[in-house]
Amino acid sequence: MSSAQAGLIGSIIGGVFVGVPALLGAWWSKKNQERQLEAQTAQIAAQTEHLKLQIRAQLLEQRREPRSQHYAEFVSAVDVLLDYLEDHWIAGLPEDPQVGDAVLATAKRS
């Protein structure tokens, strides 16, 4: 074997020993990037879902506050009405318990 053939065989083997690890390293890097991209996509999807739930909770809370205020005002108005009815109407009922009971039953139905 001449020195030219030995040099050629040596360079081919050297190229293989350098090229194969380089290709494996590139493949490994590509796979890691794909996994990282998948993880980031899943994380963004989870954050998006969390933000949607948070926005919905805030909207429901904003709607709940005026509603509870209106309920409180309604209860207060009913209390005022009941006090007025008791002072001006029920106090003037006749002393006969049967008449008073009939009027109260009518008032409770309406």
PDB file of N, CA and C in Angstrom:
ATOM      1  N   MET A   1       0.857  -1.148   0.000  1.00  0.00           N
ATOM      2  CA  MET A   1       0.000   0.000   0.000  1.00  0.00           C
ATOM      3  C   MET A   1       0.914   1.225   0.000  1.00  0.00           C
ATOM      4  N   SER A   2       0.555   2.120  -0.844  1.00  0.00           N
ATOM      5  CA  SER A   2       1.385   3.313  -0.954  1.00  0.00           C
ATOM      6  C   SER A   2       0.961   4.322   0.104  1.00  0.00           C
ATOM      7  N   SER A   3       1.754   5.295   0.288  1.00  0.00           N
ATOM      8  CA  SER A   3       1.457   6.324   1.291  1.00  0.00           C
ATOM      9  C   SER A   3       0.247   7.154   0.871  1.00  0.00           C
ATOM     10  N   ALA A   4       0.001   7.277  -0.398  1.00  0.00           N
ATOM     11  CA  ALA A   4      -1.170   8.025  -0.877  1.00  0.00           C
ATOM     12  C   ALA A   4      -2.445   7.282  -0.531  1.00  0.00           C
ATOM     13  N   GLN A   5      -2.417   5.966  -0.697  1.00  0.00           N
ATOM     14  CA  GLN A   5      -3.608   5.191  -0.351  1.00  0.00           C
ATOM     15  C   GLN A   5      -3.851   5.212   1.159  1.00  0.00           C
ATOM     16  N   ALA A   6      -2.792   5.106   1.934  1.00  0.00           N
ATOM     17  CA  ALA A   6      -2.916   5.145   3.391  1.00  0.00           C
ATOM     18  C   ALA A   6      -3.438   6.510   3.838  1.00  0.00           C
ATOM     19  N   GLY A   7      -2.969   7.561   3.228  1.00  0.00           N
ATOM     20  CA  GLY A   7      -3.459   8.904   3.551  1.00  0.00           C
ATOM     21  C   GLY A   7      -4.925   9.078   3.208  1.00  0.00           C
ATOM     22  N   LEU A   8      -5.322   8.521   2.064  1.00  0.00           N
ATOM     23  CA  LEU A   8      -6.707   8.600   1.639  1.00  0.00           C
ATOM     24  C   LEU A   8      -7.619   7.821   2.592  1.00  0.00           C
ATOM     25  N   ILE A   9      -7.221   6.614   2.942  1.00  0.00           N
ATOM     26  CA  ILE A   9      -8.007   5.799   3.875  1.00  0.00           C
ATOM     27  C   ILE A   9      -8.068   6.479   5.241  1.00  0.00           C
ATOM     28  N   GLY A  10      -6.969   7.032   5.682  1.00  0.00           N
ATOM     29  CA  GLY A  10      -6.926   7.734   6.970  1.00  0.00           C
ATOM     30  C   GLY A  10      -7.832   8.956   6.978  1.00  0.00           C
ATOM     31  N   SER A  11      -7.849   9.701   5.885  1.00  0.00           N
ATOM     32  CA  SER A  11      -8.713  10.888   5.841  1.00  0.00           C
ATOM     33  C   SER A  11     -10.186  10.498   5.789  1.00  0.00           C
ATOM     34  N   ILE A  12     -10.494   9.386   5.111  1.00  0.00           N
ATOM     35  CA  ILE A  12     -11.884   8.919   5.067  1.00  0.00           C
ATOM     36  C   ILE A  12     -12.331   8.493   6.464  1.00  0.00           C
ATOM     37  N   ILE A  13     -11.495   7.706   7.125  1.00  0.00           N
ATOM     38  CA  ILE A  13     -11.844   7.253   8.481  1.00  0.00           C
ATOM     39  C   ILE A  13     -11.930   8.444   9.428  1.00  0.00           C
ATOM     40  N   GLY A  14     -11.021   9.374   9.317  1.00  0.00           N
ATOM     41  CA  GLY A  14     -11.061  10.581  10.154  1.00  0.00           C
ATOM     42  C   GLY A  14     -12.316  11.400   9.892  1.00  0.00           C
ATOM     43  N   GLY A  15     -12.689  11.508   8.631  1.00  0.00           N
ATOM     44  CA  GLY A  15     -13.917  12.238   8.292  1.00  0.00           C
ATOM     45  C   GLY A  15     -15.144  11.584   8.880  1.00  0.00           C
ATOM     46  N   VAL A  16     -15.164  10.230   8.826  1.00  0.00           N
ATOM     47  CA  VAL A  16     -16.298   9.513   9.408  1.00  0.00           C
ATOM     48  C   VAL A  16     -16.339   9.722  10.914  1.00  0.00           C
ATOM     49  N   PHE A  17     -15.182   9.623  11.571  1.00  0.00           N
ATOM     50  CA  PHE A  17     -15.145   9.783  13.030  1.00  0.00           C
ATOM     51  C   PHE A  17     -15.459  11.217  13.465  1.00  0.00           C
ATOM     52  N   VAL A  18     -15.265  12.174  12.623  1.00  0.00           N
ATOM     53  CA  VAL A  18     -15.622  13.562  12.943  1.00  0.00           C
ATOM     54  C   VAL A  18     -17.060  13.847  12.514  1.00  0.00           C
ATOM     55  N   GLY A  19     -17.456  13.331  11.350  1.00  0.00           N
ATOM     56  CA  GLY A  19     -18.782  13.655  10.814  1.00  0.00           C
ATOM     57  C   GLY A  19     -19.927  12.992  11.549  1.00  0.00           C
ATOM     58  N   VAL A  20     -19.756  11.721  11.916  1.00  0.00           N
ATOM     59  CA  VAL A  20     -20.838  11.005  12.587  1.00  0.00           C
ATOM     60  C   VAL A  20     -21.180  11.646  13.935  1.00  0.00           C
ATOM     61  N   PRO A  21     -20.224  11.944  14.808  1.00  0.00           N
ATOM     62  CA  PRO A  21     -20.589  12.621  16.062  1.00  0.00           C
ATOM     63  C   PRO A  21     -21.212  14.005  15.818  1.00  0.00           C
ATOM     64  N   ALA A  22     -20.733  14.697  14.771  1.00  0.00           N
ATOM     65  CA  ALA A  22     -21.326  16.001  14.467  1.00  0.00           C
ATOM     66  C   ALA A  22     -22.791  15.846  14.058  1.00  0.00           C
ATOM     67  N   LEU A  23     -23.076  14.843  13.238  1.00  0.00           N
ATOM     68  CA  LEU A  23     -24.457  14.597  12.836  1.00  0.00           C
ATOM     69  C   LEU A  23     -25.321  14.169  14.027  1.00  0.00           C
ATOM     70  N   LEU A  24     -24.777  13.303  14.868  1.00  0.00           N
ATOM     71  CA  LEU A  24     -25.522  12.889  16.062  1.00  0.00           C
ATOM     72  C   LEU A  24     -25.774  14.079  16.993  1.00  0.00           C
ATOM     73  N   GLY A  25     -24.778  14.943  17.150  1.00  0.00           N
ATOM     74  CA  GLY A  25     -24.948  16.138  17.980  1.00  0.00           C
ATOM     75  C   GLY A  25     -26.005  17.081  17.417  1.00  0.00           C
ATOM     76  N   ALA A  26     -26.026  17.247  16.105  1.00  0.00           N
ATOM     77  CA  ALA A  26     -27.038  18.097  15.472  1.00  0.00           C
ATOM     78  C   ALA A  26     -28.425  17.496  15.646  1.00  0.00           C
ATOM     79  N   TRP A  27     -28.547  16.178  15.478  1.00  0.00           N
ATOM     80  CA  TRP A  27     -29.831  15.514  15.662  1.00  0.00           C
ATOM     81  C   TRP A  27     -30.313  15.668  17.106  1.00  0.00           C
ATOM     82  N   TRP A  28     -29.399  15.472  18.059  1.00  0.00           N
ATOM     83  CA  TRP A  28     -29.725  15.602  19.485  1.00  0.00           C
ATOM     84  C   TRP A  28     -30.183  17.029  19.803  1.00  0.00           C
ATOM     85  N   SER A  29     -29.494  17.996  19.255  1.00  0.00           N
ATOM     86  CA  SER A  29     -29.861  19.398  19.469  1.00  0.00           C
ATOM     87  C   SER A  29     -31.239  19.698  18.887  1.00  0.00           C
ATOM     88  N   LYS A  30     -31.532  19.181  17.708  1.00  0.00           N
ATOM     89  CA  LYS A  30     -32.831  19.387  17.080  1.00  0.00           C
ATOM     90  C   LYS A  30     -33.946  18.786  17.933  1.00  0.00           C
ATOM     91  N   LYS A  31     -33.733  17.578  18.441  1.00  0.00           N
ATOM     92  CA  LYS A  31     -34.739  16.931  19.283  1.00  0.00           C
ATOM     93  C   LYS A  31     -34.976  17.731  20.562  1.00  0.00           C
ATOM     94  N   ASN A  32     -33.898  18.240  21.155  1.00  0.00           N
ATOM     95  CA  ASN A  32     -34.045  19.043  22.372  1.00  0.00           C
ATOM     96  C   ASN A  32     -34.816  20.331  22.092  1.00  0.00           C
ATOM     97  N   GLN A  33     -34.564  20.946  20.961  1.00  0.00           N
ATOM     98  CA  GLN A  33     -35.305  22.158  20.595  1.00  0.00           C
ATOM     99  C   GLN A  33     -36.786  21.846  20.381  1.00  0.00           C
ATOM    100  N   GLU A  34     -37.092  20.718  19.763  1.00  0.00           N
ATOM    101  CA  GLU A  34     -38.485  20.331  19.568  1.00  0.00           C
ATOM    102  C   GLU A  34     -39.184  20.108  20.908  1.00  0.00           C
ATOM    103  N   ARG A  35     -38.502  19.419  21.820  1.00  0.00           N
ATOM    104  CA  ARG A  35     -39.082  19.193  23.154  1.00  0.00           C
ATOM    105  C   ARG A  35     -39.290  20.497  23.900  1.00  0.00           C
ATOM    106  N   GLN A  36     -38.314  21.401  23.781  1.00  0.00           N
ATOM    107  CA  GLN A  36     -38.424  22.688  24.446  1.00  0.00           C
ATOM    108  C   GLN A  36     -39.596  23.491  23.860  1.00  0.00           C
ATOM    109  N   LEU A  37     -39.760  23.445  22.561  1.00  0.00           N
ATOM    110  CA  LEU A  37     -40.870  24.138  21.910  1.00  0.00           C
ATOM    111  C   LEU A  37     -42.209  23.556  22.355  1.00  0.00           C
ATOM    112  N   GLU A  38     -42.296  22.234  22.451  1.00  0.00           N
ATOM    113  CA  GLU A  38     -43.524  21.598  22.925  1.00  0.00           C
ATOM    114  C   GLU A  38     -43.830  22.006  24.366  1.00  0.00           C
ATOM    115  N   ALA A  39     -42.804  22.048  25.208  1.00  0.00           N
ATOM    116  CA  ALA A  39     -43.005  22.438  26.606  1.00  0.00           C
ATOM    117  C   ALA A  39     -43.458  23.889  26.698  1.00  0.00           C
ATOM    118  N   GLN A  40     -42.854  24.767  25.898  1.00  0.00           N
ATOM    119  CA  GLN A  40     -43.256  26.170  25.908  1.00  0.00           C
ATOM    120  C   GLN A  40     -44.684  26.340  25.398  1.00  0.00           C
ATOM    121  N   THR A  41     -45.050  25.580  24.381  1.00  0.00           N
ATOM    122  CA  THR A  41     -46.411  25.646  23.849  1.00  0.00           C
ATOM    123  C   THR A  41     -47.418  25.198  24.899  1.00  0.00           C
ATOM    124  N   ALA A  42     -47.097  24.120  25.601  1.00  0.00           N
ATOM    125  CA  ALA A  42     -47.994  23.636  26.660  1.00  0.00           C
ATOM    126  C   ALA A  42     -48.087  24.651  27.792  1.00  0.00           C
ATOM    127  N   GLN A  43     -46.970  25.278  28.131  1.00  0.00           N
ATOM    128  CA  GLN A  43     -46.971  26.280  29.195  1.00  0.00           C
ATOM    129  C   GLN A  43     -47.810  27.498  28.791  1.00  0.00           C
ATOM    130  N   ILE A  44     -47.682  27.942  27.562  1.00  0.00           N
ATOM    131  CA  ILE A  44     -48.466  29.084  27.078  1.00  0.00           C
ATOM    132  C   ILE A  44     -49.950  28.737  27.068  1.00  0.00           C
ATOM    133  N   ALA A  45     -50.274  27.520  26.667  1.00  0.00           N
ATOM    134  CA  ALA A  45     -51.680  27.094  26.662  1.00  0.00           C
ATOM    135  C   ALA A  45     -52.238  27.081  28.084  1.00  0.00           C
ATOM    136  N   ALA A  46     -51.449  26.601  29.043  1.00  0.00           N
ATOM    137  CA  ALA A  46     -51.899  26.579  30.435  1.00  0.00           C
ATOM    138  C   ALA A  46     -52.063  28.000  30.968  1.00  0.00           C
ATOM    139  N   GLN A  47     -51.138  28.895  30.635  1.00  0.00           N
ATOM    140  CA  GLN A  47     -51.247  30.283  31.077  1.00  0.00           C
ATOM    141  C   GLN A  47     -52.467  30.956  30.459  1.00  0.00           C
ATOM    142  N   THR A  48     -52.726  30.662  29.191  1.00  0.00           N
ATOM    143  CA  THR A  48     -53.888  31.237  28.518  1.00  0.00           C
ATOM    144  C   THR A  48     -55.176  30.770  29.187  1.00  0.00           C
ATOM    145  N   GLU A  49     -55.252  29.489  29.497  1.00  0.00           N
ATOM    146  CA  GLU A  49     -56.437  28.956  30.161  1.00  0.00           C
ATOM    147  C   GLU A  49     -56.612  29.583  31.544  1.00  0.00           C
ATOM    148  N   HIS A  50     -55.501  29.744  32.269  1.00  0.00           N
ATOM    149  CA  HIS A  50     -55.555  30.368  33.592  1.00  0.00           C
ATOM    150  C   HIS A  50     -56.034  31.817  33.489  1.00  0.00           C
ATOM    151  N   LEU A  51     -55.543  32.538  32.493  1.00  0.00           N
ATOM    152  CA  LEU A  51     -55.966  33.927  32.307  1.00  0.00           C
ATOM    153  C   LEU A  51     -57.443  34.012  31.948  1.00  0.00           C
ATOM    154  N   LYS A  52     -57.932  33.082  31.134  1.00  0.00           N
ATOM    155  CA  LYS A  52     -59.355  33.063  30.795  1.00  0.00           C
ATOM    156  C   LYS A  52     -60.203  32.870  32.052  1.00  0.00           C
ATOM    157  N   LEU A  53     -59.784  31.935  32.910  1.00  0.00           N
ATOM    158  CA  LEU A  53     -60.522  31.700  34.148  1.00  0.00           C
ATOM    159  C   LEU A  53     -60.471  32.913  35.066  1.00  0.00           C
ATOM    160  N   GLN A  54     -59.309  33.554  35.127  1.00  0.00           N
ATOM    161  CA  GLN A  54     -59.158  34.738  35.974  1.00  0.00           C
ATOM    162  C   GLN A  54     -60.036  35.888  35.464  1.00  0.00           C
ATOM    163  N   ILE A  55     -60.066  36.091  34.162  1.00  0.00           N
ATOM    164  CA  ILE A  55     -60.903  37.150  33.588  1.00  0.00           C
ATOM    165  C   ILE A  55     -62.378  36.850  33.849  1.00  0.00           C
ATOM    166  N   ARG A  56     -62.781  35.598  33.694  1.00  0.00           N
ATOM    167  CA  ARG A  56     -64.174  35.230  33.953  1.00  0.00           C
ATOM    168  C   ARG A  56     -64.537  35.462  35.412  1.00  0.00           C
ATOM    169  N   ALA A  57     -63.631  35.112  36.313  1.00  0.00           N
ATOM    170  CA  ALA A  57     -63.897  35.325  37.737  1.00  0.00           C
ATOM    171  C   ALA A  57     -64.031  36.817  38.042  1.00  0.00           C
ATOM    172  N   GLN A  58     -63.184  37.635  37.434  1.00  0.00           N
ATOM    173  CA  GLN A  58     -63.276  39.083  37.652  1.00  0.00           C
ATOM    174  C   GLN A  58     -64.578  39.650  37.101  1.00  0.00           C
ATOM    175  N   LEU A  59     -64.992  39.174  35.931  1.00  0.00           N
ATOM    176  CA  LEU A  59     -66.250  39.650  35.355  1.00  0.00           C
ATOM    177  C   LEU A  59     -67.438  39.261  36.227  1.00  0.00           C
ATOM    178  N   LEU A  60     -67.428  38.025  36.731  1.00  0.00           N
ATOM    179  CA  LEU A  60     -68.516  37.592  37.605  1.00  0.00           C
ATOM    180  C   LEU A  60     -68.535  38.399  38.896  1.00  0.00           C
ATOM    181  N   GLU A  61     -67.362  38.713  39.413  1.00  0.00           N
ATOM    182  CA  GLU A  61     -67.295  39.524  40.636  1.00  0.00           C
ATOM    183  C   GLU A  61     -67.814  40.935  40.380  1.00  0.00           C
ATOM    184  N   GLN A  62     -67.480  41.501  39.232  1.00  0.00           N
ATOM    185  CA  GLN A  62     -67.962  42.837  38.893  1.00  0.00           C
ATOM    186  C   GLN A  62     -69.477  42.838  38.732  1.00  0.00           C
ATOM    187  N   ARG A  63     -70.035  41.760  38.202  1.00  0.00           N
ATOM    188  CA  ARG A  63     -71.488  41.683  38.060  1.00  0.00           C
ATOM    189  C   ARG A  63     -72.158  41.404  39.399  1.00  0.00           C
ATOM    190  N   ARG A  64     -71.477  40.713  40.290  1.00  0.00           N
ATOM    191  CA  ARG A  64     -72.053  40.346  41.576  1.00  0.00           C
ATOM    192  C   ARG A  64     -72.212  41.555  42.492  1.00  0.00           C
ATOM    193  N   GLU A  65     -71.268  42.490  42.446  1.00  0.00           N
ATOM    194  CA  GLU A  65     -71.308  43.639  43.354  1.00  0.00           C
ATOM    195  C   GLU A  65     -72.563  44.488  43.156  1.00  0.00           C
ATOM    196  N   PRO A  66     -72.888  44.931  41.925  1.00  0.00           N
ATOM    197  CA  PRO A  66     -74.119  45.708  41.770  1.00  0.00           C
ATOM    198  C   PRO A  66     -75.372  44.906  42.103  1.00  0.00           C
ATOM    199  N   ARG A  67     -75.340  43.619  41.768  1.00  0.00           N
ATOM    200  CA  ARG A  67     -76.494  42.774  42.045  1.00  0.00           C
ATOM    201  C   ARG A  67     -76.734  42.679  43.540  1.00  0.00           C
ATOM    202  N   SER A  68     -75.698  42.481  44.330  1.00  0.00           N
ATOM    203  CA  SER A  68     -75.876  42.387  45.779  1.00  0.00           C
ATOM    204  C   SER A  68     -76.324  43.727  46.348  1.00  0.00           C
ATOM    205  N   GLN A  69     -75.860  44.821  45.742  1.00  0.00           N
ATOM    206  CA  GLN A  69     -76.295  46.144  46.187  1.00  0.00           C
ATOM    207  C   GLN A  69     -77.799  46.319  45.903  1.00  0.00           C
ATOM    208  N   HIS A  70     -78.247  45.889  44.739  1.00  0.00           N
ATOM    209  CA  HIS A  70     -79.667  45.989  44.408  1.00  0.00           C
ATOM    210  C   HIS A  70     -80.511  45.109  45.338  1.00  0.00           C
ATOM    211  N   TYR A  71     -80.007  43.930  45.663  1.00  0.00           N
ATOM    212  CA  TYR A  71     -80.730  43.063  46.593  1.00  0.00           C
ATOM    213  C   TYR A  71     -80.845  43.727  47.966  1.00  0.00           C
ATOM    214  N   ALA A  72     -79.776  44.331  48.420  1.00  0.00           N
ATOM    215  CA  ALA A  72     -79.800  45.013  49.716  1.00  0.00           C
ATOM    216  C   ALA A  72     -80.791  46.170  49.695  1.00  0.00           C
ATOM    217  N   GLU A  73     -80.817  46.928  48.604  1.00  0.00           N
ATOM    218  CA  GLU A  73     -81.775  48.026  48.486  1.00  0.00           C
ATOM    219  C   GLU A  73     -83.209  47.492  48.469  1.00  0.00           C
ATOM    220  N   PHE A  74     -83.429  46.379  47.784  1.00  0.00           N
ATOM    221  CA  PHE A  74     -84.761  45.783  47.729  1.00  0.00           C
ATOM    222  C   PHE A  74     -85.211  45.331  49.115  1.00  0.00           C
ATOM    223  N   VAL A  75     -84.327  44.670  49.845  1.00  0.00           N
ATOM    224  CA  VAL A  75     -84.666  44.210  51.193  1.00  0.00           C
ATOM    225  C   VAL A  75     -84.970  45.399  52.083  1.00  0.00           C
ATOM    226  N   SER A  76     -84.198  46.456  51.945  1.00  0.00           N
ATOM    227  CA  SER A  76     -84.439  47.663  52.738  1.00  0.00           C
ATOM    228  C   SER A  76     -85.799  48.272  52.395  1.00  0.00           C
ATOM    229  N   ALA A  77     -86.137  48.325  51.110  1.00  0.00           N
ATOM    230  CA  ALA A  77     -87.435  48.874  50.695  1.00  0.00           C
ATOM    231  C   ALA A  77     -88.582  48.020  51.225  1.00  0.00           C
ATOM    232  N   VAL A  78     -88.421  46.698  51.212  1.00  0.00           N
ATOM    233  CA  VAL A  78     -89.460  45.815  51.748  1.00  0.00           C
ATOM    234  C   VAL A  78     -89.615  46.046  53.245  1.00  0.00           C
ATOM    235  N   ASP A  79     -88.519  46.219  53.968  1.00  0.00           N
ATOM    236  CA  ASP A  79     -88.606  46.504  55.401  1.00  0.00           C
ATOM    237  C   ASP A  79     -89.351  47.806  55.660  1.00  0.00           C
ATOM    238  N   VAL A  80     -89.054  48.838  54.869  1.00  0.00           N
ATOM    239  CA  VAL A  80     -89.745  50.114  55.026  1.00  0.00           C
ATOM    240  C   VAL A  80     -91.235  49.939  54.743  1.00  0.00           C
ATOM    241  N   LEU A  81     -91.559  49.195  53.683  1.00  0.00           N
ATOM    242  CA  LEU A  81     -92.959  48.960  53.347  1.00  0.00           C
ATOM    243  C   LEU A  81     -93.674  48.196  54.451  1.00  0.00           C
ATOM    244  N   LEU A  82     -93.039  47.163  54.983  1.00  0.00           N
ATOM    245  CA  LEU A  82     -93.664  46.396  56.064  1.00  0.00           C
ATOM    246  C   LEU A  82     -93.863  47.249  57.312  1.00  0.00           C
ATOM    247  N   ASP A  83     -92.873  48.083  57.626  1.00  0.00           N
ATOM    248  CA  ASP A  83     -93.029  48.981  58.778  1.00  0.00           C
ATOM    249  C   ASP A  83     -94.200  49.936  58.560  1.00  0.00           C
ATOM    250  N   TYR A  84     -94.302  50.483  57.355  1.00  0.00           N
ATOM    251  CA  TYR A  84     -95.391  51.406  57.050  1.00  0.00           C
ATOM    252  C   TYR A  84     -96.750  50.703  57.160  1.00  0.00           C
ATOM    253  N   LEU A  85     -96.826  49.489  56.571  1.00  0.00           N
ATOM    254  CA  LEU A  85     -98.085  48.749  56.650  1.00  0.00           C
ATOM    255  C   LEU A  85     -98.452  48.421  58.088  1.00  0.00           C
ATOM    256  N   GLU A  86     -97.468  48.042  58.862  1.00  0.00           N
ATOM    257  CA  GLU A  86     -97.753  47.700  60.254  1.00  0.00           C
ATOM    258  C   GLU A  86     -98.211  48.927  61.029  1.00  0.00           C
ATOM    259  N   ASP A  87     -97.583  50.063  60.802  1.00  0.00           N
ATOM    260  CA  ASP A  87     -97.936  51.279  61.536  1.00  0.00           C
ATOM    261  C   ASP A  87     -99.274  51.856  61.095  1.00  0.00           C
ATOM    262  N   HIS A  88     -99.567  51.861  59.799  1.00  0.00           N
ATOM    263  CA  HIS A  88    -100.736  52.585  59.308  1.00  0.00           C
ATOM    264  C   HIS A  88    -101.927  51.687  58.970  1.00  0.00           C
ATOM    265  N   TRP A  89    -101.690  50.456  58.708  1.00  0.00           N
ATOM    266  CA  TRP A  89    -102.800  49.626  58.256  1.00  0.00           C
ATOM    267  C   TRP A  89    -103.167  48.569  59.288  1.00  0.00           C
ATOM    268  N   ILE A  90    -102.185  47.813  59.733  1.00  0.00           N
ATOM    269  CA  ILE A  90    -102.473  46.729  60.671  1.00  0.00           C
ATOM    270  C   ILE A  90    -102.864  47.290  62.030  1.00  0.00           C
ATOM    271  N   ALA A  91    -102.296  48.433  62.403  1.00  0.00           N
ATOM    272  CA  ALA A  91    -102.649  49.037  63.695  1.00  0.00           C
ATOM    273  C   ALA A  91    -104.101  49.487  63.701  1.00  0.00           C
ATOM    274  N   GLY A  92    -104.655  49.785  62.525  1.00  0.00           N
ATOM    275  CA  GLY A  92    -106.042  50.239  62.460  1.00  0.00           C
ATOM    276  C   GLY A  92    -107.040  49.129  62.253  1.00  0.00           C
ATOM    277  N   LEU A  93    -106.644  47.893  62.379  1.00  0.00           N
ATOM    278  CA  LEU A  93    -107.569  46.776  62.205  1.00  0.00           C
ATOM    279  C   LEU A  93    -108.571  46.727  63.357  1.00  0.00           C
ATOM    280  N   PRO A  94    -109.734  46.204  63.074  1.00  0.00           N
ATOM    281  CA  PRO A  94    -110.724  46.087  64.153  1.00  0.00           C
ATOM    282  C   PRO A  94    -110.249  45.117  65.236  1.00  0.00           C
ATOM    283  N   GLU A  95    -110.870  45.251  66.366  1.00  0.00           N
ATOM    284  CA  GLU A  95    -110.491  44.413  67.511  1.00  0.00           C
ATOM    285  C   GLU A  95    -110.958  42.967  67.349  1.00  0.00           C
ATOM    286  N   ASP A  96    -111.860  42.734  66.445  1.00  0.00           N
ATOM    287  CA  ASP A  96    -112.365  41.381  66.238  1.00  0.00           C
ATOM    288  C   ASP A  96    -111.254  40.545  65.594  1.00  0.00           C
ATOM    289  N   PRO A  97    -110.780  39.499  66.265  1.00  0.00           N
ATOM    290  CA  PRO A  97    -109.659  38.725  65.744  1.00  0.00           C
ATOM    291  C   PRO A  97    -109.970  38.037  64.421  1.00  0.00           C
ATOM    292  N   GLN A  98    -111.194  37.650  64.187  1.00  0.00           N
ATOM    293  CA  GLN A  98    -111.522  36.970  62.937  1.00  0.00           C
ATOM    294  C   GLN A  98    -111.390  37.917  61.744  1.00  0.00           C
ATOM    295  N   VAL A  99    -111.812  39.134  61.901  1.00  0.00           N
ATOM    296  CA  VAL A  99    -111.687  40.117  60.825  1.00  0.00           C
ATOM    297  C   VAL A  99    -110.219  40.432  60.587  1.00  0.00           C
ATOM    298  N   GLY A 100    -109.486  40.607  61.660  1.00  0.00           N
ATOM    299  CA  GLY A 100    -108.057  40.898  61.539  1.00  0.00           C
ATOM    300  C   GLY A 100    -107.297  39.760  60.871  1.00  0.00           C
ATOM    301  N   ASP A 101    -107.631  38.519  61.237  1.00  0.00           N
ATOM    302  CA  ASP A 101    -106.967  37.364  60.624  1.00  0.00           C
ATOM    303  C   ASP A 101    -107.297  37.268  59.143  1.00  0.00           C
ATOM    304  N   ALA A 102    -108.535  37.562  58.774  1.00  0.00           N
ATOM    305  CA  ALA A 102    -108.925  37.507  57.367  1.00  0.00           C
ATOM    306  C   ALA A 102    -108.177  38.563  56.555  1.00  0.00           C
ATOM    307  N   VAL A 103    -108.046  39.750  57.118  1.00  0.00           N
ATOM    308  CA  VAL A 103    -107.332  40.829  56.408  1.00  0.00           C
ATOM    309  C   VAL A 103    -105.850  40.483  56.290  1.00  0.00           C
ATOM    310  N   LEU A 104    -105.276  39.950  57.343  1.00  0.00           N
ATOM    311  CA  LEU A 104    -103.852  39.545  57.285  1.00  0.00           C
ATOM    312  C   LEU A 104    -103.629  38.429  56.268  1.00  0.00           C
ATOM    313  N   ALA A 105    -104.526  37.480  56.211  1.00  0.00           N
ATOM    314  CA  ALA A 105    -104.393  36.384  55.236  1.00  0.00           C
ATOM    315  C   ALA A 105    -104.488  36.919  53.825  1.00  0.00           C
ATOM    316  N   THR A 106    -105.376  37.879  53.604  1.00  0.00           N
ATOM    317  CA  THR A 106    -105.493  38.499  52.283  1.00  0.00           C
ATOM    318  C   THR A 106    -104.245  39.262  51.934  1.00  0.00           C
ATOM    319  N   ALA A 107    -103.676  39.961  52.893  1.00  0.00           N
ATOM    320  CA  ALA A 107    -102.455  40.748  52.666  1.00  0.00           C
ATOM    321  C   ALA A 107    -101.280  39.830  52.369  1.00  0.00           C
ATOM    322  N   LYS A 108    -101.200  38.690  53.025  1.00  0.00           N
ATOM    323  CA  LYS A 108    -100.079  37.771  52.799  1.00  0.00           C
ATOM    324  C   LYS A 108    -100.166  37.103  51.430  1.00  0.00           C
ATOM    325  N   ARG A 109    -101.369  36.865  50.935  1.00  0.00           N
ATOM    326  CA  ARG A 109    -101.526  36.249  49.613  1.00  0.00           C
ATOM    327  C   ARG A 109    -101.169  37.208  48.500  1.00  0.00           C
ATOM    328  N   SER A 110    -101.386  38.477  48.669  1.00  0.00           N
ATOM    329  CA  SER A 110    -101.123  39.430  47.589  1.00  0.00           C
ATOM    330  C   SER A 110     -99.777  40.064  47.697  1.00  0.00           C
TER     331      SER A 110
END
